[in-house]
Amino acid sequence: MSRIYFTLTGTNHRYGSDFIEPGMSLRLVKETDNEVDSEAISVEMEGLGQVGYVANSPYTVEGESYSAGRLYDKIGDTAAGTVLYVLQKGVLCYVETDAPEEESRG
């Protein structure tokens, strides 16, 4: 298994990020009916529902993490994620994949 990193963004439009801590579990859900972004991936937390989105802009993607567009075809309709770091501009997270590391990059 390999890890693909992604940035959770848009938390300020919902609950904020003050409560988010490393190790917290996330659920990624493709929003196939999203009219604004055809590659939108919603990020949810148990008991809260949607807390944000996988970043899909060069202005919101932290470091070398994947954008929603790069991640979209590497996961099913849903996937499990984990918070790694809470940063000033976003939350760095990862999803585990079955693909070898070389195939996960791209």
N, C-alpha and C. Protein backbone atom coordinates (compact mmCIF):
# COMPACT_ATOMS: atom_id res chain seq x y z
N MET A 1 0.84 -1.19 0.00
CA MET A 1 0.00 0.00 0.00
C MET A 1 0.88 1.24 0.00
N SER A 2 0.38 2.26 -0.64
CA SER A 2 1.10 3.53 -0.64
C SER A 2 0.13 4.64 -0.24
N ARG A 3 0.69 5.75 0.13
CA ARG A 3 -0.11 6.90 0.54
C ARG A 3 -0.14 7.94 -0.56
N ILE A 4 -1.30 8.52 -0.75
CA ILE A 4 -1.45 9.69 -1.60
C ILE A 4 -1.89 10.82 -0.69
N TYR A 5 -1.16 11.91 -0.75
CA TYR A 5 -1.45 13.05 0.11
C TYR A 5 -2.41 14.01 -0.60
N PHE A 6 -3.30 14.62 0.17
CA PHE A 6 -4.22 15.62 -0.36
C PHE A 6 -4.44 16.69 0.69
N THR A 7 -4.93 17.85 0.25
CA THR A 7 -5.20 18.96 1.15
C THR A 7 -6.71 19.10 1.35
N LEU A 8 -7.13 19.12 2.59
CA LEU A 8 -8.51 19.43 2.95
C LEU A 8 -8.62 20.94 3.03
N THR A 9 -9.55 21.51 2.28
CA THR A 9 -9.73 22.96 2.26
C THR A 9 -11.22 23.29 2.41
N GLY A 10 -11.51 24.56 2.57
CA GLY A 10 -12.89 25.00 2.68
C GLY A 10 -13.52 24.78 4.04
N THR A 11 -12.70 24.47 5.03
CA THR A 11 -13.24 24.21 6.37
C THR A 11 -13.85 25.46 6.99
N ASN A 12 -13.38 26.64 6.59
CA ASN A 12 -13.91 27.88 7.16
C ASN A 12 -15.37 28.13 6.77
N HIS A 13 -15.84 27.46 5.73
CA HIS A 13 -17.23 27.60 5.29
C HIS A 13 -18.17 26.71 6.10
N ARG A 14 -17.61 25.88 6.97
CA ARG A 14 -18.43 24.97 7.75
C ARG A 14 -18.13 25.10 9.24
N TYR A 15 -17.24 24.26 9.76
CA TYR A 15 -16.97 24.22 11.21
C TYR A 15 -15.63 24.82 11.60
N GLY A 16 -14.85 25.26 10.62
CA GLY A 16 -13.50 25.71 10.93
C GLY A 16 -12.56 24.51 11.01
N SER A 17 -11.33 24.76 11.45
CA SER A 17 -10.37 23.66 11.55
C SER A 17 -9.73 23.56 12.92
N ASP A 18 -10.20 24.37 13.87
CA ASP A 18 -9.60 24.37 15.21
C ASP A 18 -9.70 23.02 15.91
N PHE A 19 -10.73 22.26 15.61
CA PHE A 19 -10.94 20.98 16.28
C PHE A 19 -10.24 19.82 15.58
N ILE A 20 -9.72 20.05 14.37
CA ILE A 20 -9.11 18.98 13.59
C ILE A 20 -7.71 18.69 14.12
N GLU A 21 -7.42 17.40 14.32
CA GLU A 21 -6.13 16.97 14.86
C GLU A 21 -5.56 15.82 14.04
N PRO A 22 -4.24 15.69 14.02
CA PRO A 22 -3.62 14.56 13.34
C PRO A 22 -4.19 13.23 13.84
N GLY A 23 -4.38 12.31 12.91
CA GLY A 23 -4.89 10.99 13.24
C GLY A 23 -6.39 10.85 13.09
N MET A 24 -7.11 11.97 12.93
CA MET A 24 -8.56 11.90 12.78
C MET A 24 -8.92 11.24 11.45
N SER A 25 -10.00 10.48 11.47
CA SER A 25 -10.48 9.78 10.27
C SER A 25 -11.38 10.67 9.44
N LEU A 26 -11.27 10.50 8.13
CA LEU A 26 -12.06 11.25 7.17
C LEU A 26 -12.71 10.29 6.18
N ARG A 27 -13.76 10.74 5.56
CA ARG A 27 -14.39 9.98 4.48
C ARG A 27 -14.45 10.88 3.26
N LEU A 28 -13.91 10.42 2.16
CA LEU A 28 -13.93 11.16 0.91
C LEU A 28 -15.08 10.63 0.06
N VAL A 29 -15.86 11.54 -0.50
CA VAL A 29 -17.03 11.16 -1.30
C VAL A 29 -17.02 11.97 -2.59
N LYS A 30 -16.99 11.29 -3.73
CA LYS A 30 -17.06 12.00 -5.01
C LYS A 30 -18.44 12.64 -5.14
N GLU A 31 -18.47 13.90 -5.56
CA GLU A 31 -19.73 14.60 -5.80
C GLU A 31 -20.00 14.60 -7.30
N THR A 32 -20.56 13.52 -7.77
CA THR A 32 -20.78 13.36 -9.22
C THR A 32 -21.79 14.35 -9.79
N ASP A 33 -22.61 14.95 -8.94
CA ASP A 33 -23.61 15.91 -9.41
C ASP A 33 -23.20 17.36 -9.16
N ASN A 34 -21.94 17.61 -8.82
CA ASN A 34 -21.48 18.97 -8.55
C ASN A 34 -21.40 19.74 -9.87
N GLU A 35 -22.17 20.83 -9.98
CA GLU A 35 -22.25 21.60 -11.22
C GLU A 35 -21.06 22.54 -11.42
N VAL A 36 -20.33 22.85 -10.35
CA VAL A 36 -19.20 23.78 -10.44
C VAL A 36 -17.89 23.06 -10.75
N ASP A 37 -17.71 21.86 -10.19
CA ASP A 37 -16.45 21.13 -10.33
C ASP A 37 -16.77 19.66 -10.58
N SER A 38 -16.52 19.19 -11.78
CA SER A 38 -16.84 17.80 -12.15
C SER A 38 -15.94 16.78 -11.44
N GLU A 39 -14.88 17.26 -10.79
CA GLU A 39 -13.98 16.36 -10.05
C GLU A 39 -14.02 16.65 -8.56
N ALA A 40 -15.11 17.22 -8.08
CA ALA A 40 -15.23 17.59 -6.67
C ALA A 40 -15.27 16.35 -5.79
N ILE A 41 -14.50 16.41 -4.70
CA ILE A 41 -14.49 15.34 -3.70
C ILE A 41 -14.77 15.98 -2.35
N SER A 42 -15.91 15.65 -1.79
CA SER A 42 -16.31 16.16 -0.48
C SER A 42 -15.56 15.39 0.61
N VAL A 43 -15.25 16.07 1.70
CA VAL A 43 -14.60 15.43 2.84
C VAL A 43 -15.56 15.50 4.02
N GLU A 44 -15.81 14.34 4.63
CA GLU A 44 -16.76 14.24 5.73
C GLU A 44 -16.09 13.67 6.97
N MET A 45 -16.68 13.98 8.12
CA MET A 45 -16.27 13.41 9.39
C MET A 45 -17.50 12.84 10.07
N GLU A 46 -17.30 11.70 10.74
CA GLU A 46 -18.39 11.05 11.44
C GLU A 46 -19.03 12.01 12.44
N GLY A 47 -20.35 12.08 12.40
CA GLY A 47 -21.09 12.91 13.33
C GLY A 47 -21.26 14.36 12.89
N LEU A 48 -20.45 14.81 11.91
CA LEU A 48 -20.54 16.19 11.43
C LEU A 48 -21.05 16.28 10.00
N GLY A 49 -20.74 15.27 9.21
CA GLY A 49 -21.03 15.36 7.78
C GLY A 49 -19.90 16.08 7.09
N GLN A 50 -20.25 16.88 6.09
CA GLN A 50 -19.23 17.55 5.29
C GLN A 50 -18.49 18.60 6.10
N VAL A 51 -17.15 18.54 6.04
CA VAL A 51 -16.31 19.53 6.70
C VAL A 51 -15.48 20.34 5.70
N GLY A 52 -15.49 19.94 4.43
CA GLY A 52 -14.74 20.65 3.41
C GLY A 52 -14.64 19.84 2.14
N TYR A 53 -13.62 20.18 1.35
CA TYR A 53 -13.37 19.51 0.07
C TYR A 53 -11.89 19.19 -0.08
N VAL A 54 -11.60 18.23 -0.96
CA VAL A 54 -10.22 18.03 -1.39
C VAL A 54 -9.89 19.23 -2.28
N ALA A 55 -8.80 19.92 -1.98
CA ALA A 55 -8.39 21.10 -2.74
C ALA A 55 -8.22 20.76 -4.21
N ASN A 56 -8.68 21.66 -5.09
CA ASN A 56 -8.56 21.41 -6.52
C ASN A 56 -8.07 22.65 -7.26
N SER A 57 -7.25 23.43 -6.57
CA SER A 57 -6.69 24.65 -7.15
C SER A 57 -5.23 24.76 -6.74
N PRO A 58 -4.38 25.25 -7.64
CA PRO A 58 -2.97 25.41 -7.25
C PRO A 58 -2.80 26.39 -6.08
N TYR A 59 -3.81 27.20 -5.81
CA TYR A 59 -3.74 28.16 -4.71
C TYR A 59 -4.10 27.54 -3.36
N THR A 60 -4.75 26.37 -3.39
CA THR A 60 -5.19 25.75 -2.13
C THR A 60 -4.51 24.42 -1.85
N VAL A 61 -3.80 23.85 -2.81
CA VAL A 61 -3.09 22.59 -2.61
C VAL A 61 -1.79 22.87 -1.87
N GLU A 62 -1.58 22.18 -0.76
CA GLU A 62 -0.37 22.36 0.06
C GLU A 62 0.74 21.42 -0.41
N GLY A 63 1.94 21.95 -0.53
CA GLY A 63 3.12 21.13 -0.84
C GLY A 63 2.94 20.29 -2.10
N GLU A 64 3.29 19.04 -2.00
CA GLU A 64 3.23 18.12 -3.13
C GLU A 64 1.99 17.24 -3.10
N SER A 65 0.98 17.66 -2.35
CA SER A 65 -0.22 16.85 -2.26
C SER A 65 -1.01 16.89 -3.57
N TYR A 66 -1.83 15.87 -3.77
CA TYR A 66 -2.63 15.76 -4.98
C TYR A 66 -3.82 16.70 -4.92
N SER A 67 -4.19 17.25 -6.06
CA SER A 67 -5.43 18.00 -6.19
C SER A 67 -6.56 16.98 -6.35
N ALA A 68 -7.79 17.44 -6.24
CA ALA A 68 -8.93 16.55 -6.44
C ALA A 68 -8.90 15.95 -7.85
N GLY A 69 -8.49 16.74 -8.83
CA GLY A 69 -8.40 16.25 -10.20
C GLY A 69 -7.42 15.10 -10.37
N ARG A 70 -6.30 15.16 -9.69
CA ARG A 70 -5.31 14.08 -9.76
C ARG A 70 -5.73 12.87 -8.94
N LEU A 71 -6.48 13.11 -7.86
CA LEU A 71 -6.91 12.03 -6.97
C LEU A 71 -8.16 11.31 -7.46
N TYR A 72 -9.00 12.00 -8.21
CA TYR A 72 -10.34 11.53 -8.57
C TYR A 72 -10.37 10.11 -9.14
N ASP A 73 -9.51 9.80 -10.08
CA ASP A 73 -9.52 8.48 -10.72
C ASP A 73 -8.72 7.43 -9.96
N LYS A 74 -8.13 7.80 -8.84
CA LYS A 74 -7.33 6.87 -8.06
C LYS A 74 -8.10 6.29 -6.88
N ILE A 75 -9.34 6.77 -6.67
CA ILE A 75 -10.18 6.26 -5.59
C ILE A 75 -11.52 5.81 -6.17
N GLY A 76 -12.27 5.03 -5.40
CA GLY A 76 -13.62 4.66 -5.81
C GLY A 76 -14.56 5.82 -5.52
N ASP A 77 -15.86 5.53 -5.45
CA ASP A 77 -16.84 6.57 -5.15
C ASP A 77 -16.63 7.16 -3.77
N THR A 78 -16.08 6.33 -2.86
CA THR A 78 -15.72 6.81 -1.52
C THR A 78 -14.35 6.25 -1.16
N ALA A 79 -13.72 6.88 -0.19
CA ALA A 79 -12.42 6.40 0.29
C ALA A 79 -12.22 6.90 1.72
N ALA A 80 -11.37 6.21 2.44
CA ALA A 80 -11.04 6.61 3.81
C ALA A 80 -9.76 7.41 3.80
N GLY A 81 -9.74 8.49 4.57
CA GLY A 81 -8.55 9.33 4.68
C GLY A 81 -8.20 9.55 6.14
N THR A 82 -7.02 10.11 6.36
CA THR A 82 -6.53 10.39 7.71
C THR A 82 -5.84 11.74 7.71
N VAL A 83 -6.08 12.53 8.75
CA VAL A 83 -5.41 13.82 8.90
C VAL A 83 -3.96 13.58 9.29
N LEU A 84 -3.04 14.27 8.62
CA LEU A 84 -1.62 14.17 8.95
C LEU A 84 -1.14 15.42 9.69
N TYR A 85 -1.35 16.60 9.10
CA TYR A 85 -0.93 17.86 9.71
C TYR A 85 -2.03 18.91 9.55
N VAL A 86 -2.16 19.75 10.55
CA VAL A 86 -3.04 20.92 10.44
C VAL A 86 -2.13 22.12 10.23
N LEU A 87 -2.26 22.74 9.05
CA LEU A 87 -1.40 23.85 8.66
C LEU A 87 -2.21 25.14 8.64
N GLN A 88 -1.55 26.25 8.50
CA GLN A 88 -2.22 27.54 8.51
C GLN A 88 -3.22 27.70 7.36
N LYS A 89 -2.85 27.20 6.16
CA LYS A 89 -3.71 27.39 4.99
C LYS A 89 -4.54 26.17 4.62
N GLY A 90 -4.38 25.09 5.30
CA GLY A 90 -5.13 23.88 4.96
C GLY A 90 -4.73 22.74 5.85
N VAL A 91 -5.36 21.61 5.63
CA VAL A 91 -5.10 20.42 6.43
C VAL A 91 -4.53 19.36 5.50
N LEU A 92 -3.31 18.91 5.75
CA LEU A 92 -2.68 17.89 4.93
C LEU A 92 -3.14 16.52 5.42
N CYS A 93 -3.63 15.72 4.50
CA CYS A 93 -4.19 14.41 4.82
C CYS A 93 -3.64 13.38 3.84
N TYR A 94 -4.00 12.12 4.07
CA TYR A 94 -3.62 11.08 3.12
C TYR A 94 -4.71 10.05 2.99
N VAL A 95 -4.68 9.37 1.87
CA VAL A 95 -5.55 8.23 1.60
C VAL A 95 -4.62 7.07 1.25
N GLU A 96 -4.94 5.88 1.74
CA GLU A 96 -4.16 4.68 1.41
C GLU A 96 -4.68 4.10 0.10
N THR A 97 -3.78 3.69 -0.78
CA THR A 97 -4.18 3.06 -2.03
C THR A 97 -3.47 1.73 -2.18
N ASP A 98 -4.02 0.89 -3.02
CA ASP A 98 -3.41 -0.41 -3.30
C ASP A 98 -2.34 -0.31 -4.37
N ALA A 99 -2.32 0.81 -5.08
CA ALA A 99 -1.36 0.98 -6.17
C ALA A 99 0.04 1.14 -5.62
N PRO A 100 1.03 0.56 -6.33
CA PRO A 100 2.42 0.81 -5.94
C PRO A 100 2.74 2.29 -6.06
N GLU A 101 3.70 2.77 -5.30
CA GLU A 101 4.03 4.19 -5.25
C GLU A 101 4.29 4.77 -6.64
N GLU A 102 4.96 4.05 -7.54
CA GLU A 102 5.26 4.59 -8.86
C GLU A 102 4.00 4.87 -9.64
N GLU A 103 2.97 4.03 -9.53
CA GLU A 103 1.73 4.23 -10.26
C GLU A 103 0.88 5.33 -9.63
N SER A 104 1.05 5.59 -8.34
CA SER A 104 0.25 6.57 -7.64
C SER A 104 0.62 7.99 -8.01
N ARG A 105 1.83 8.19 -8.47
CA ARG A 105 2.26 9.54 -8.85
C ARG A 105 1.76 9.84 -10.24
N GLY A 106 1.42 11.08 -10.46
CA GLY A 106 1.03 11.36 -11.82
C GLY A 106 0.23 12.52 -11.95
